């Protein structure tokens, strides 16, 4: 399953806001997109102080790979 919190993404799914996303068994925060079949997450990056990082006027994102589990609440 692929779900996204980005309204411009074709896989946008408002239930992502009410889902727990795990990567290798660890709960992830600030997940923007999750694909449990490919094992890929897109995460909004944060600075050491916890604030979202902005680059060129957009939230900076990173890709993480591993065992992804999506638990809809």
C-alpha atoms as a PDB file:
ATOM      1  CA  UNK A   1       0.000   0.000   0.000  1.00  0.00           C
ATOM      2  CA  UNK A   2       1.124   3.556  -0.711  1.00  0.00           C
ATOM      3  CA  UNK A   3      -0.267   6.477   1.261  1.00  0.00           C
ATOM      4  CA  UNK A   4       0.705  10.125   1.279  1.00  0.00           C
ATOM      5  CA  UNK A   5      -0.037  13.224   3.357  1.00  0.00           C
ATOM      6  CA  UNK A   6       0.854  15.496   0.420  1.00  0.00           C
ATOM      7  CA  UNK A   7      -2.363  16.675  -1.249  1.00  0.00           C
ATOM      8  CA  UNK A   8      -0.557  17.066  -4.611  1.00  0.00           C
ATOM      9  CA  UNK A   9       0.520  13.387  -4.557  1.00  0.00           C
ATOM     10  CA  UNK A  10      -1.767  10.967  -6.453  1.00  0.00           C
ATOM     11  CA  UNK A  11      -1.527   8.643  -3.451  1.00  0.00           C
ATOM     12  CA  UNK A  12      -2.772  11.311  -1.041  1.00  0.00           C
ATOM     13  CA  UNK A  13      -4.789   9.668   1.676  1.00  0.00           C
ATOM     14  CA  UNK A  14      -6.186  11.744   4.553  1.00  0.00           C
ATOM     15  CA  UNK A  15      -6.050   8.674   6.807  1.00  0.00           C
ATOM     16  CA  UNK A  16      -2.247   8.961   6.849  1.00  0.00           C
ATOM     17  CA  UNK A  17      -2.826  11.659   9.428  1.00  0.00           C
ATOM     18  CA  UNK A  18      -4.346   8.892  11.560  1.00  0.00           C
ATOM     19  CA  UNK A  19      -1.792   6.171  10.900  1.00  0.00           C
ATOM     20  CA  UNK A  20       1.330   4.888  12.606  1.00  0.00           C
ATOM     21  CA  UNK A  21       4.218   4.307  10.234  1.00  0.00           C
ATOM     22  CA  UNK A  22       7.043   2.015  11.317  1.00  0.00           C
ATOM     23  CA  UNK A  23      10.460   1.600   9.708  1.00  0.00           C
ATOM     24  CA  UNK A  24      12.292  -1.524  10.854  1.00  0.00           C
ATOM     25  CA  UNK A  25       9.969  -1.659  13.872  1.00  0.00           C
ATOM     26  CA  UNK A  26      10.570   1.962  14.951  1.00  0.00           C
ATOM     27  CA  UNK A  27       7.677   4.470  14.912  1.00  0.00           C
ATOM     28  CA  UNK A  28       8.403   7.319  12.481  1.00  0.00           C
ATOM     29  CA  UNK A  29       7.324  10.936  12.880  1.00  0.00           C
ATOM     30  CA  UNK A  30       6.769  13.519  10.145  1.00  0.00           C
ATOM     31  CA  UNK A  31       6.213  10.870   7.482  1.00  0.00           C
ATOM     32  CA  UNK A  32       5.049  12.415   4.210  1.00  0.00           C
ATOM     33  CA  UNK A  33       4.746   9.253   2.090  1.00  0.00           C
ATOM     34  CA  UNK A  34       4.948   5.551   2.847  1.00  0.00           C
ATOM     35  CA  UNK A  35       5.167   2.528   0.544  1.00  0.00           C
ATOM     36  CA  UNK A  36       5.157  -0.767   2.427  1.00  0.00           C
ATOM     37  CA  UNK A  37       5.652  -2.878  -0.721  1.00  0.00           C
ATOM     38  CA  UNK A  38       8.857  -1.133  -1.820  1.00  0.00           C
ATOM     39  CA  UNK A  39       9.950  -0.396   1.758  1.00  0.00           C
ATOM     40  CA  UNK A  40      10.312   3.349   1.196  1.00  0.00           C
ATOM     41  CA  UNK A  41       9.418   6.348   3.378  1.00  0.00           C
ATOM     42  CA  UNK A  42       9.658  10.044   2.626  1.00  0.00           C
ATOM     43  CA  UNK A  43      10.241  11.971   5.843  1.00  0.00           C
ATOM     44  CA  UNK A  44      10.176  15.729   6.481  1.00  0.00           C
ATOM     45  CA  UNK A  45      13.630  16.608   7.831  1.00  0.00           C
ATOM     46  CA  UNK A  46      14.065  18.448  11.112  1.00  0.00           C
ATOM     47  CA  UNK A  47      16.881  20.525  12.552  1.00  0.00           C
ATOM     48  CA  UNK A  48      18.495  19.556  15.885  1.00  0.00           C
ATOM     49  CA  UNK A  49      16.076  21.932  17.660  1.00  0.00           C
ATOM     50  CA  UNK A  50      13.090  20.016  16.212  1.00  0.00           C
ATOM     51  CA  UNK A  51      11.983  22.617  13.678  1.00  0.00           C
ATOM     52  CA  UNK A  52      11.202  21.604  10.111  1.00  0.00           C
ATOM     53  CA  UNK A  53      14.057  22.338   7.714  1.00  0.00           C
ATOM     54  CA  UNK A  54      13.202  24.610   4.772  1.00  0.00           C
ATOM     55  CA  UNK A  55      15.128  24.601   1.497  1.00  0.00           C
ATOM     56  CA  UNK A  56      14.216  26.902  -1.410  1.00  0.00           C
ATOM     57  CA  UNK A  57      10.913  27.720   0.282  1.00  0.00           C
ATOM     58  CA  UNK A  58       9.871  24.070   0.642  1.00  0.00           C
ATOM     59  CA  UNK A  59      10.104  21.539   3.444  1.00  0.00           C
ATOM     60  CA  UNK A  60      13.277  19.492   3.044  1.00  0.00           C
ATOM     61  CA  UNK A  61      12.587  15.763   2.732  1.00  0.00           C
ATOM     62  CA  UNK A  62      14.686  12.617   2.896  1.00  0.00           C
ATOM     63  CA  UNK A  63      14.108   9.050   1.754  1.00  0.00           C
ATOM     64  CA  UNK A  64      14.519   6.105   4.119  1.00  0.00           C
ATOM     65  CA  UNK A  65      14.448   2.435   3.151  1.00  0.00           C
ATOM     66  CA  UNK A  66      13.771  -0.720   5.127  1.00  0.00           C
ATOM     67  CA  UNK A  67      10.850  -2.784   6.385  1.00  0.00           C
ATOM     68  CA  UNK A  68       7.828  -0.419   6.325  1.00  0.00           C
ATOM     69  CA  UNK A  69       4.626  -1.150   8.217  1.00  0.00           C
ATOM     70  CA  UNK A  70       1.528   1.058   7.888  1.00  0.00           C
ATOM     71  CA  UNK A  71      -0.982   0.763  10.726  1.00  0.00           C
ATOM     72  CA  UNK A  72      -4.201   2.685  10.047  1.00  0.00           C
ATOM     73  CA  UNK A  73      -5.892   3.895  13.221  1.00  0.00           C
END
